[in-house]
C-alpha cells in the first residue's frame, strides 16, 4: 500500500512537471507570435520594401538560413552517422577509443564563440575565402558533430543484438546487416539527433558572425554561379536570420528595428516548428517503409495462407 502511494505521488509530480514544460513552451510561442504579429506579410517575407514600414523585409536572410541548414546537414549528417557507426560497430575497446571519446566530449563543451574565432582564423583567413556560406557551414558542423555522433552511436547500440545476430545467421554480411537492419531500426533516434542539429543551425549566431558575415550581396538568380550575387554560390557572404536579429537589436540603425526583430523571431520559430514536424513525418514514413505497417503485414499473411 505504501509503495502504491509513493508511486501515485511521483507519477503526479511527473505529470505536473510535464504540464509545466508544455505550458512554458506554449507561453513562449504565444508571446513571440503576439510580438511579431503580421510576420506573414509577403513584402516582409520576400524582402520587398514595405508600404508601411521603413525597415524592409527578410527575404535574403530567410533564404540564407534555409540554405545554411541544407548545406550544414549535407556535411554534418554523413560525418556524424559515419562516426557513430564506427564507434558502435567497428571500434575496439582500448586507449584509442577512450581518446576519441575524450576528443568528442571536449568538442561538445566548446563555446560557439570559440568555434567562431577558429572559423575566422581557418575558414576565413587561412583559406582566403573570406566570409562565406561554406565557412559558416563548416563552423556549425564542428559544433554539431559531437552531439550528432553521440546520438547515432547510442541509437545503433540500442538495437537488440538478437536482431543483428538473426540477420547474420540468415547469411547477411555485417555491412548488409548494418544498412538493412541496424540503421532502419535506429532511424527514429537518428532523426531526433538530426532535429537537434537543425535547431542548432537555425539558432546559431556567434559562430556565423565570424564566418558567414553580417552582409548579403544583392542576389540575382540569373548571375553566373561563380558570382557572389548568385544565391547558390557557397563562397559568398550570407547573413542568416539569427544574425540579422542580433544586428537589429545591437545596432538599432533601422527605425523599426524592434518590430522587424520580433517578426523575424516569429518566422524563425515557425521555421523550426515546421522542420521538426516535417522531420517527424519523414521518420514515420521511413519507419513504415523499412518495418511495414499493419496493412502490409496483413496482406503478407493472406498471401502466405
C-alpha atoms as a PDB file:
ATOM      1  CA  UNK A   1       0.000   0.000   0.000  1.00  0.00           C
ATOM      2  CA  UNK A   2       2.821   2.360   0.865  1.00  0.00           C
ATOM      3  CA  UNK A   3       4.662   1.585  -2.368  1.00  0.00           C
ATOM      4  CA  UNK A   4       1.480   2.233  -4.355  1.00  0.00           C
ATOM      5  CA  UNK A   5       1.001   5.597  -2.639  1.00  0.00           C
ATOM      6  CA  UNK A   6       4.579   6.633  -3.328  1.00  0.00           C
ATOM      7  CA  UNK A   7       4.188   5.582  -6.961  1.00  0.00           C
ATOM      8  CA  UNK A   8       0.981   7.631  -7.304  1.00  0.00           C
ATOM      9  CA  UNK A   9       2.631  10.700  -5.754  1.00  0.00           C
ATOM     10  CA  UNK A  10       5.666  10.591  -8.004  1.00  0.00           C
ATOM     11  CA  UNK A  11       3.502   9.933 -11.067  1.00  0.00           C
ATOM     12  CA  UNK A  12       1.537  13.065 -10.200  1.00  0.00           C
ATOM     13  CA  UNK A  13       4.768  15.036  -9.769  1.00  0.00           C
ATOM     14  CA  UNK A  14       5.989  13.917 -13.188  1.00  0.00           C
ATOM     15  CA  UNK A  15       2.662  14.886 -14.779  1.00  0.00           C
ATOM     16  CA  UNK A  16       2.852  18.328 -13.167  1.00  0.00           C
ATOM     17  CA  UNK A  17       6.419  18.839 -14.402  1.00  0.00           C
ATOM     18  CA  UNK A  18       5.428  17.728 -17.903  1.00  0.00           C
ATOM     19  CA  UNK A  19       2.494  20.155 -17.999  1.00  0.00           C
ATOM     20  CA  UNK A  20       4.787  22.927 -16.728  1.00  0.00           C
ATOM     21  CA  UNK A  21       7.229  22.305 -19.581  1.00  0.00           C
ATOM     22  CA  UNK A  22       4.418  22.258 -22.147  1.00  0.00           C
ATOM     23  CA  UNK A  23       2.896  25.384 -20.603  1.00  0.00           C
ATOM     24  CA  UNK A  24       6.232  27.197 -20.675  1.00  0.00           C
ATOM     25  CA  UNK A  25       6.700  26.275 -24.330  1.00  0.00           C
ATOM     26  CA  UNK A  26       3.159  27.419 -25.125  1.00  0.00           C
ATOM     27  CA  UNK A  27       3.692  30.728 -23.320  1.00  0.00           C
ATOM     28  CA  UNK A  28       6.955  31.250 -25.203  1.00  0.00           C
ATOM     29  CA  UNK A  29       5.346  30.533 -28.578  1.00  0.00           C
ATOM     30  CA  UNK A  30       2.318  32.745 -27.916  1.00  0.00           C
ATOM     31  CA  UNK A  31       4.489  35.634 -26.680  1.00  0.00           C
ATOM     32  CA  UNK A  32       6.719  35.525 -29.752  1.00  0.00           C
ATOM     33  CA  UNK A  33       3.719  35.325 -32.094  1.00  0.00           C
ATOM     34  CA  UNK A  34       1.967  38.270 -30.413  1.00  0.00           C
ATOM     35  CA  UNK A  35       5.049  40.479 -30.531  1.00  0.00           C
ATOM     36  CA  UNK A  36       5.792  39.517 -34.125  1.00  0.00           C
ATOM     37  CA  UNK A  37       2.184  39.602 -35.337  1.00  0.00           C
ATOM     38  CA  UNK A  38       1.967  40.256 -39.065  1.00  0.00           C
ATOM     39  CA  UNK A  39       5.104  38.257 -39.889  1.00  0.00           C
ATOM     40  CA  UNK A  40       3.254  36.516 -42.743  1.00  0.00           C
ATOM     41  CA  UNK A  41       3.194  39.695 -44.844  1.00  0.00           C
ATOM     42  CA  UNK A  42       4.574  38.851 -48.298  1.00  0.00           C
ATOM     43  CA  UNK A  43       6.508  42.111 -48.574  1.00  0.00           C
ATOM     44  CA  UNK A  44       8.224  41.288 -45.287  1.00  0.00           C
ATOM     45  CA  UNK A  45       8.972  37.663 -46.175  1.00  0.00           C
ATOM     46  CA  UNK A  46      10.120  38.382 -49.711  1.00  0.00           C
ATOM     47  CA  UNK A  47      12.344  41.313 -48.796  1.00  0.00           C
ATOM     48  CA  UNK A  48      10.432  43.839 -50.906  1.00  0.00           C
ATOM     49  CA  UNK A  49      10.113  47.354 -49.488  1.00  0.00           C
ATOM     50  CA  UNK A  50       7.042  47.570 -47.285  1.00  0.00           C
ATOM     51  CA  UNK A  51       4.450  50.258 -47.833  1.00  0.00           C
ATOM     52  CA  UNK A  52       4.017  50.903 -44.110  1.00  0.00           C
ATOM     53  CA  UNK A  53       7.368  50.071 -42.547  1.00  0.00           C
ATOM     54  CA  UNK A  54      10.777  51.516 -43.307  1.00  0.00           C
ATOM     55  CA  UNK A  55      12.883  48.506 -42.432  1.00  0.00           C
ATOM     56  CA  UNK A  56      12.150  46.325 -45.431  1.00  0.00           C
ATOM     57  CA  UNK A  57      11.916  42.527 -45.292  1.00  0.00           C
ATOM     58  CA  UNK A  58      13.930  39.424 -44.538  1.00  0.00           C
ATOM     59  CA  UNK A  59      13.856  37.587 -47.873  1.00  0.00           C
ATOM     60  CA  UNK A  60      17.640  37.202 -48.330  1.00  0.00           C
ATOM     61  CA  UNK A  61      18.183  36.300 -44.666  1.00  0.00           C
ATOM     62  CA  UNK A  62      15.388  33.731 -44.792  1.00  0.00           C
ATOM     63  CA  UNK A  63      16.883  32.101 -47.892  1.00  0.00           C
ATOM     64  CA  UNK A  64      20.359  32.162 -46.332  1.00  0.00           C
ATOM     65  CA  UNK A  65      19.070  30.378 -43.207  1.00  0.00           C
ATOM     66  CA  UNK A  66      17.424  27.612 -45.226  1.00  0.00           C
ATOM     67  CA  UNK A  67      20.442  27.257 -47.500  1.00  0.00           C
ATOM     68  CA  UNK A  68      22.758  27.149 -44.474  1.00  0.00           C
ATOM     69  CA  UNK A  69      20.555  24.427 -42.958  1.00  0.00           C
ATOM     70  CA  UNK A  70      20.716  22.230 -46.070  1.00  0.00           C
ATOM     71  CA  UNK A  71      24.434  22.777 -46.601  1.00  0.00           C
ATOM     72  CA  UNK A  72      25.346  22.056 -42.986  1.00  0.00           C
ATOM     73  CA  UNK A  73      23.194  18.925 -42.788  1.00  0.00           C
ATOM     74  CA  UNK A  74      24.768  17.624 -46.003  1.00  0.00           C
ATOM     75  CA  UNK A  75      28.159  17.877 -44.282  1.00  0.00           C
ATOM     76  CA  UNK A  76      27.390  17.005 -40.667  1.00  0.00           C
ATOM     77  CA  UNK A  77      24.900  14.114 -41.030  1.00  0.00           C
ATOM     78  CA  UNK A  78      27.189  11.796 -43.061  1.00  0.00           C
ATOM     79  CA  UNK A  79      30.118  12.609 -40.763  1.00  0.00           C
ATOM     80  CA  UNK A  80      28.098  12.142 -37.577  1.00  0.00           C
ATOM     81  CA  UNK A  81      26.445   8.949 -38.780  1.00  0.00           C
ATOM     82  CA  UNK A  82      29.744   7.545 -40.020  1.00  0.00           C
ATOM     83  CA  UNK A  83      31.461   8.337 -36.728  1.00  0.00           C
ATOM     84  CA  UNK A  84      28.571   6.809 -34.775  1.00  0.00           C
ATOM     85  CA  UNK A  85      28.721   3.628 -36.862  1.00  0.00           C
ATOM     86  CA  UNK A  86      32.472   3.357 -36.335  1.00  0.00           C
ATOM     87  CA  UNK A  87      32.252   3.828 -32.568  1.00  0.00           C
ATOM     88  CA  UNK A  88      29.323   1.422 -32.185  1.00  0.00           C
ATOM     89  CA  UNK A  89      30.241  -1.358 -34.610  1.00  0.00           C
ATOM     90  CA  UNK A  90      33.902  -1.261 -35.564  1.00  0.00           C
ATOM     91  CA  UNK A  91      35.957   0.467 -32.853  1.00  0.00           C
ATOM     92  CA  UNK A  92      37.703  -1.806 -30.395  1.00  0.00           C
ATOM     93  CA  UNK A  93      37.844  -1.075 -26.683  1.00  0.00           C
ATOM     94  CA  UNK A  94      41.170   0.432 -25.734  1.00  0.00           C
ATOM     95  CA  UNK A  95      43.163   3.612 -25.381  1.00  0.00           C
ATOM     96  CA  UNK A  96      42.391   4.800 -28.909  1.00  0.00           C
ATOM     97  CA  UNK A  97      38.647   4.595 -28.343  1.00  0.00           C
ATOM     98  CA  UNK A  98      38.984   6.345 -24.983  1.00  0.00           C
ATOM     99  CA  UNK A  99      41.000   9.107 -26.645  1.00  0.00           C
ATOM    100  CA  UNK A 100      38.366   9.518 -29.378  1.00  0.00           C
ATOM    101  CA  UNK A 101      35.601   9.794 -26.785  1.00  0.00           C
ATOM    102  CA  UNK A 102      37.642  12.354 -24.862  1.00  0.00           C
ATOM    103  CA  UNK A 103      38.028  14.416 -28.037  1.00  0.00           C
ATOM    104  CA  UNK A 104      34.277  14.222 -28.703  1.00  0.00           C
ATOM    105  CA  UNK A 105      33.444  15.340 -25.169  1.00  0.00           C
ATOM    106  CA  UNK A 106      35.935  18.188 -25.447  1.00  0.00           C
ATOM    107  CA  UNK A 107      34.427  19.339 -28.741  1.00  0.00           C
ATOM    108  CA  UNK A 108      30.934  19.187 -27.239  1.00  0.00           C
ATOM    109  CA  UNK A 109      31.938  21.600 -24.480  1.00  0.00           C
ATOM    110  CA  UNK A 110      33.455  24.223 -26.794  1.00  0.00           C
ATOM    111  CA  UNK A 111      31.654  27.597 -26.685  1.00  0.00           C
ATOM    112  CA  UNK A 112      30.272  28.708 -30.025  1.00  0.00           C
ATOM    113  CA  UNK A 113      32.237  31.967 -29.889  1.00  0.00           C
ATOM    114  CA  UNK A 114      35.488  29.971 -29.695  1.00  0.00           C
ATOM    115  CA  UNK A 115      34.468  27.889 -32.715  1.00  0.00           C
ATOM    116  CA  UNK A 116      33.588  31.126 -34.491  1.00  0.00           C
ATOM    117  CA  UNK A 117      37.063  32.535 -33.830  1.00  0.00           C
ATOM    118  CA  UNK A 118      38.594  29.266 -35.017  1.00  0.00           C
ATOM    119  CA  UNK A 119      36.498  29.511 -38.176  1.00  0.00           C
ATOM    120  CA  UNK A 120      37.652  33.105 -38.648  1.00  0.00           C
ATOM    121  CA  UNK A 121      41.288  32.009 -38.475  1.00  0.00           C
ATOM    122  CA  UNK A 122      40.942  28.886 -40.645  1.00  0.00           C
ATOM    123  CA  UNK A 123      37.920  29.157 -42.962  1.00  0.00           C
ATOM    124  CA  UNK A 124      38.099  32.922 -43.487  1.00  0.00           C
ATOM    125  CA  UNK A 125      41.753  33.988 -43.206  1.00  0.00           C
ATOM    126  CA  UNK A 126      43.891  30.891 -43.791  1.00  0.00           C
ATOM    127  CA  UNK A 127      41.918  29.643 -46.793  1.00  0.00           C
ATOM    128  CA  UNK A 128      41.473  33.127 -48.205  1.00  0.00           C
ATOM    129  CA  UNK A 129      37.745  32.536 -48.759  1.00  0.00           C
ATOM    130  CA  UNK A 130      36.604  35.491 -46.707  1.00  0.00           C
ATOM    131  CA  UNK A 131      33.111  35.425 -45.217  1.00  0.00           C
ATOM    132  CA  UNK A 132      31.291  32.568 -46.934  1.00  0.00           C
ATOM    133  CA  UNK A 133      28.375  30.185 -46.600  1.00  0.00           C
ATOM    134  CA  UNK A 134      30.668  27.156 -46.664  1.00  0.00           C
ATOM    135  CA  UNK A 135      32.796  28.654 -43.869  1.00  0.00           C
ATOM    136  CA  UNK A 136      29.701  29.078 -41.704  1.00  0.00           C
ATOM    137  CA  UNK A 137      28.513  25.571 -42.514  1.00  0.00           C
ATOM    138  CA  UNK A 138      31.870  24.063 -41.547  1.00  0.00           C
ATOM    139  CA  UNK A 139      31.937  26.036 -38.291  1.00  0.00           C
ATOM    140  CA  UNK A 140      28.458  24.826 -37.310  1.00  0.00           C
ATOM    141  CA  UNK A 141      29.450  21.293 -38.323  1.00  0.00           C
ATOM    142  CA  UNK A 142      32.188  21.448 -35.678  1.00  0.00           C
ATOM    143  CA  UNK A 143      29.541  22.416 -33.121  1.00  0.00           C
ATOM    144  CA  UNK A 144      27.025  19.762 -34.188  1.00  0.00           C
ATOM    145  CA  UNK A 145      29.350  16.838 -34.810  1.00  0.00           C
ATOM    146  CA  UNK A 146      29.880  15.692 -31.171  1.00  0.00           C
ATOM    147  CA  UNK A 147      26.179  15.609 -30.297  1.00  0.00           C
ATOM    148  CA  UNK A 148      25.176  14.016 -33.581  1.00  0.00           C
ATOM    149  CA  UNK A 149      27.872  11.374 -33.221  1.00  0.00           C
ATOM    150  CA  UNK A 150      26.719  10.511 -29.701  1.00  0.00           C
ATOM    151  CA  UNK A 151      23.068  10.235 -30.760  1.00  0.00           C
ATOM    152  CA  UNK A 152      23.906   7.996 -33.738  1.00  0.00           C
ATOM    153  CA  UNK A 153      26.192   5.791 -31.645  1.00  0.00           C
ATOM    154  CA  UNK A 154      23.592   5.385 -28.892  1.00  0.00           C
ATOM    155  CA  UNK A 155      20.852   4.664 -31.426  1.00  0.00           C
ATOM    156  CA  UNK A 156      22.888   1.913 -33.066  1.00  0.00           C
ATOM    157  CA  UNK A 157      23.908   0.408 -29.715  1.00  0.00           C
ATOM    158  CA  UNK A 158      20.256   0.329 -28.592  1.00  0.00           C
ATOM    159  CA  UNK A 159      19.308  -2.034 -31.424  1.00  0.00           C
ATOM    160  CA  UNK A 160      18.959  -5.509 -29.842  1.00  0.00           C
ATOM    161  CA  UNK A 161      21.844  -7.873 -30.521  1.00  0.00           C
ATOM    162  CA  UNK A 162      19.355 -10.658 -31.245  1.00  0.00           C
ATOM    163  CA  UNK A 163      18.123  -8.764 -34.303  1.00  0.00           C
ATOM    164  CA  UNK A 164      21.652  -8.343 -35.627  1.00  0.00           C
ATOM    165  CA  UNK A 165      22.510 -11.979 -34.897  1.00  0.00           C
ATOM    166  CA  UNK A 166      19.360 -13.139 -36.689  1.00  0.00           C
ATOM    167  CA  UNK A 167      20.376 -11.179 -39.781  1.00  0.00           C
ATOM    168  CA  UNK A 168      23.903 -12.563 -39.672  1.00  0.00           C
ATOM    169  CA  UNK A 169      22.519 -16.067 -39.101  1.00  0.00           C
ATOM    170  CA  UNK A 170      20.472 -15.797 -42.298  1.00  0.00           C
ATOM    171  CA  UNK A 171      23.649 -15.209 -44.282  1.00  0.00           C
ATOM    172  CA  UNK A 172      23.777 -11.421 -44.455  1.00  0.00           C
ATOM    173  CA  UNK A 173      27.135  -9.714 -44.228  1.00  0.00           C
ATOM    174  CA  UNK A 174      27.967  -7.240 -41.488  1.00  0.00           C
ATOM    175  CA  UNK A 175      27.531  -4.327 -43.891  1.00  0.00           C
ATOM    176  CA  UNK A 176      24.182  -5.653 -45.157  1.00  0.00           C
ATOM    177  CA  UNK A 177      23.018  -6.082 -41.572  1.00  0.00           C
ATOM    178  CA  UNK A 178      24.082  -2.547 -40.782  1.00  0.00           C
ATOM    179  CA  UNK A 179      22.340  -0.996 -43.789  1.00  0.00           C
ATOM    180  CA  UNK A 180      19.218  -3.172 -43.954  1.00  0.00           C
ATOM    181  CA  UNK A 181      18.566  -3.896 -40.266  1.00  0.00           C
ATOM    182  CA  UNK A 182      20.515  -1.779 -37.771  1.00  0.00           C
ATOM    183  CA  UNK A 183      20.167   1.698 -39.274  1.00  0.00           C
ATOM    184  CA  UNK A 184      16.432   1.321 -40.109  1.00  0.00           C
ATOM    185  CA  UNK A 185      15.785   0.170 -36.538  1.00  0.00           C
ATOM    186  CA  UNK A 186      17.778   3.101 -35.150  1.00  0.00           C
ATOM    187  CA  UNK A 187      16.260   5.624 -37.544  1.00  0.00           C
ATOM    188  CA  UNK A 188      13.837   7.341 -35.101  1.00  0.00           C
ATOM    189  CA  UNK A 189      16.664   8.209 -32.692  1.00  0.00           C
ATOM    190  CA  UNK A 190      18.896   9.310 -35.570  1.00  0.00           C
ATOM    191  CA  UNK A 191      16.123  11.616 -36.822  1.00  0.00           C
ATOM    192  CA  UNK A 192      15.938  13.069 -33.308  1.00  0.00           C
ATOM    193  CA  UNK A 193      19.648  13.842 -33.491  1.00  0.00           C
ATOM    194  CA  UNK A 194      19.181  15.497 -36.876  1.00  0.00           C
ATOM    195  CA  UNK A 195      16.356  17.641 -35.462  1.00  0.00           C
ATOM    196  CA  UNK A 196      18.578  18.750 -32.573  1.00  0.00           C
ATOM    197  CA  UNK A 197      21.353  19.582 -35.030  1.00  0.00           C
ATOM    198  CA  UNK A 198      18.914  21.546 -37.199  1.00  0.00           C
ATOM    199  CA  UNK A 199      17.802  23.536 -34.167  1.00  0.00           C
ATOM    200  CA  UNK A 200      21.437  24.436 -33.503  1.00  0.00           C
ATOM    201  CA  UNK A 201      21.814  25.537 -37.129  1.00  0.00           C
ATOM    202  CA  UNK A 202      18.702  27.713 -37.030  1.00  0.00           C
ATOM    203  CA  UNK A 203      19.616  29.310 -33.719  1.00  0.00           C
ATOM    204  CA  UNK A 204      23.368  29.807 -34.074  1.00  0.00           C
ATOM    205  CA  UNK A 205      24.624  33.366 -34.383  1.00  0.00           C
ATOM    206  CA  UNK A 206      28.027  33.740 -32.680  1.00  0.00           C
ATOM    207  CA  UNK A 207      29.894  31.316 -34.956  1.00  0.00           C
ATOM    208  CA  UNK A 208      28.241  32.696 -38.098  1.00  0.00           C
ATOM    209  CA  UNK A 209      29.129  36.306 -37.324  1.00  0.00           C
ATOM    210  CA  UNK A 210      32.819  35.438 -37.713  1.00  0.00           C
ATOM    211  CA  UNK A 211      32.485  33.031 -40.642  1.00  0.00           C
ATOM    212  CA  UNK A 212      29.410  33.791 -42.793  1.00  0.00           C
ATOM    213  CA  UNK A 213      29.475  37.542 -42.240  1.00  0.00           C
ATOM    214  CA  UNK A 214      26.993  40.304 -41.459  1.00  0.00           C
ATOM    215  CA  UNK A 215      26.006  41.217 -45.020  1.00  0.00           C
ATOM    216  CA  UNK A 216      24.392  39.626 -48.048  1.00  0.00           C
ATOM    217  CA  UNK A 217      25.101  40.699 -51.647  1.00  0.00           C
ATOM    218  CA  UNK A 218      22.234  41.689 -53.905  1.00  0.00           C
ATOM    219  CA  UNK A 219      21.134  38.222 -55.047  1.00  0.00           C
ATOM    220  CA  UNK A 220      20.395  37.545 -58.698  1.00  0.00           C
ATOM    221  CA  UNK A 221      19.494  34.051 -59.900  1.00  0.00           C
ATOM    222  CA  UNK A 222      20.458  34.918 -63.472  1.00  0.00           C
ATOM    223  CA  UNK A 223      24.040  35.754 -62.477  1.00  0.00           C
ATOM    224  CA  UNK A 224      26.908  33.345 -63.069  1.00  0.00           C
ATOM    225  CA  UNK A 225      27.267  30.614 -60.443  1.00  0.00           C
ATOM    226  CA  UNK A 226      30.787  31.799 -59.613  1.00  0.00           C
ATOM    227  CA  UNK A 227      29.481  35.301 -58.917  1.00  0.00           C
ATOM    228  CA  UNK A 228      28.807  36.331 -55.333  1.00  0.00           C
ATOM    229  CA  UNK A 229      25.424  37.559 -56.493  1.00  0.00           C
ATOM    230  CA  UNK A 230      24.233  34.037 -57.318  1.00  0.00           C
ATOM    231  CA  UNK A 231      22.064  32.639 -54.477  1.00  0.00           C
ATOM    232  CA  UNK A 232      23.579  29.133 -54.659  1.00  0.00           C
ATOM    233  CA  UNK A 233      27.217  30.220 -54.594  1.00  0.00           C
ATOM    234  CA  UNK A 234      28.637  28.751 -51.389  1.00  0.00           C
ATOM    235  CA  UNK A 235      31.582  31.173 -51.467  1.00  0.00           C
ATOM    236  CA  UNK A 236      29.538  34.324 -50.890  1.00  0.00           C
ATOM    237  CA  UNK A 237      28.767  36.176 -47.643  1.00  0.00           C
ATOM    238  CA  UNK A 238      25.430  35.216 -46.091  1.00  0.00           C
ATOM    239  CA  UNK A 239      23.688  36.950 -43.211  1.00  0.00           C
ATOM    240  CA  UNK A 240      21.303  34.445 -41.623  1.00  0.00           C
ATOM    241  CA  UNK A 241      18.079  35.265 -39.824  1.00  0.00           C
ATOM    242  CA  UNK A 242      19.566  34.871 -36.336  1.00  0.00           C
ATOM    243  CA  UNK A 243      22.489  37.140 -37.196  1.00  0.00           C
ATOM    244  CA  UNK A 244      20.006  39.630 -38.662  1.00  0.00           C
ATOM    245  CA  UNK A 245      18.019  39.632 -35.397  1.00  0.00           C
ATOM    246  CA  UNK A 246      21.200  40.148 -33.388  1.00  0.00           C
ATOM    247  CA  UNK A 247      22.309  43.019 -35.627  1.00  0.00           C
ATOM    248  CA  UNK A 248      18.929  44.727 -35.421  1.00  0.00           C
ATOM    249  CA  UNK A 249      18.896  44.583 -31.619  1.00  0.00           C
ATOM    250  CA  UNK A 250      22.543  45.609 -31.223  1.00  0.00           C
ATOM    251  CA  UNK A 251      22.882  48.365 -33.812  1.00  0.00           C
ATOM    252  CA  UNK A 252      19.338  49.730 -33.918  1.00  0.00           C
ATOM    253  CA  UNK A 253      20.003  51.759 -37.077  1.00  0.00           C
ATOM    254  CA  UNK A 254      16.715  50.754 -38.734  1.00  0.00           C
ATOM    255  CA  UNK A 255      13.810  52.908 -37.469  1.00  0.00           C
ATOM    256  CA  UNK A 256      11.522  49.951 -36.725  1.00  0.00           C
ATOM    257  CA  UNK A 257      14.300  47.577 -35.655  1.00  0.00           C
ATOM    258  CA  UNK A 258      12.435  46.094 -32.673  1.00  0.00           C
ATOM    259  CA  UNK A 259       9.365  45.273 -34.750  1.00  0.00           C
ATOM    260  CA  UNK A 260      11.421  43.674 -37.526  1.00  0.00           C
ATOM    261  CA  UNK A 261      13.398  41.677 -34.948  1.00  0.00           C
ATOM    262  CA  UNK A 262      10.168  40.448 -33.334  1.00  0.00           C
ATOM    263  CA  UNK A 263       8.708  39.434 -36.700  1.00  0.00           C
ATOM    264  CA  UNK A 264      11.977  37.745 -37.660  1.00  0.00           C
ATOM    265  CA  UNK A 265      11.942  35.798 -34.383  1.00  0.00           C
ATOM    266  CA  UNK A 266       8.383  34.645 -35.106  1.00  0.00           C
ATOM    267  CA  UNK A 267       9.374  33.497 -38.602  1.00  0.00           C
ATOM    268  CA  UNK A 268      12.406  31.671 -37.186  1.00  0.00           C
ATOM    269  CA  UNK A 269      10.270  29.904 -34.603  1.00  0.00           C
ATOM    270  CA  UNK A 270       7.723  28.841 -37.239  1.00  0.00           C
ATOM    271  CA  UNK A 271      10.561  27.526 -39.409  1.00  0.00           C
ATOM    272  CA  UNK A 272      11.891  25.406 -36.526  1.00  0.00           C
ATOM    273  CA  UNK A 273       8.422  24.023 -35.734  1.00  0.00           C
ATOM    274  CA  UNK A 274       7.710  23.195 -39.382  1.00  0.00           C
ATOM    275  CA  UNK A 275      11.082  21.482 -39.756  1.00  0.00           C
ATOM    276  CA  UNK A 276      10.503  19.411 -36.609  1.00  0.00           C
ATOM    277  CA  UNK A 277       7.038  18.347 -37.776  1.00  0.00           C
ATOM    278  CA  UNK A 278       8.330  17.549 -41.261  1.00  0.00           C
ATOM    279  CA  UNK A 279      11.260  15.545 -39.894  1.00  0.00           C
ATOM    280  CA  UNK A 280       8.944  13.526 -37.641  1.00  0.00           C
ATOM    281  CA  UNK A 281       6.626  12.858 -40.573  1.00  0.00           C
ATOM    282  CA  UNK A 282       9.537  11.671 -42.723  1.00  0.00           C
ATOM    283  CA  UNK A 283      10.729   9.493 -39.836  1.00  0.00           C
ATOM    284  CA  UNK A 284       7.311   7.804 -39.603  1.00  0.00           C
ATOM    285  CA  UNK A 285       7.202   7.208 -43.361  1.00  0.00           C
ATOM    286  CA  UNK A 286      10.712   5.742 -43.398  1.00  0.00           C
ATOM    287  CA  UNK A 287       9.957   3.537 -40.410  1.00  0.00           C
ATOM    288  CA  UNK A 288       6.829   2.209 -42.124  1.00  0.00           C
ATOM    289  CA  UNK A 289       8.833   1.625 -45.292  1.00  0.00           C
ATOM    290  CA  UNK A 290      11.537  -0.377 -43.510  1.00  0.00           C
ATOM    291  CA  UNK A 291       9.367  -2.239 -40.997  1.00  0.00           C
ATOM    292  CA  UNK A 292       5.999  -2.396 -42.791  1.00  0.00           C
ATOM    293  CA  UNK A 293       2.667  -1.187 -41.416  1.00  0.00           C
ATOM    294  CA  UNK A 294      -0.269  -3.278 -40.238  1.00  0.00           C
ATOM    295  CA  UNK A 295      -1.964  -3.361 -43.641  1.00  0.00           C
ATOM    296  CA  UNK A 296       1.223  -4.571 -45.318  1.00  0.00           C
ATOM    297  CA  UNK A 297       1.665  -7.306 -42.711  1.00  0.00           C
ATOM    298  CA  UNK A 298      -1.983  -8.450 -43.114  1.00  0.00           C
ATOM    299  CA  UNK A 299      -1.578  -8.669 -46.898  1.00  0.00           C
ATOM    300  CA  UNK A 300       1.585 -10.719 -46.481  1.00  0.00           C
ATOM    301  CA  UNK A 301      -0.254 -13.097 -44.103  1.00  0.00           C
ATOM    302  CA  UNK A 302      -3.137 -13.504 -46.601  1.00  0.00           C
ATOM    303  CA  UNK A 303      -0.745 -14.214 -49.440  1.00  0.00           C
ATOM    304  CA  UNK A 304       1.154 -16.724 -47.297  1.00  0.00           C
ATOM    305  CA  UNK A 305      -2.062 -18.509 -46.301  1.00  0.00           C
END
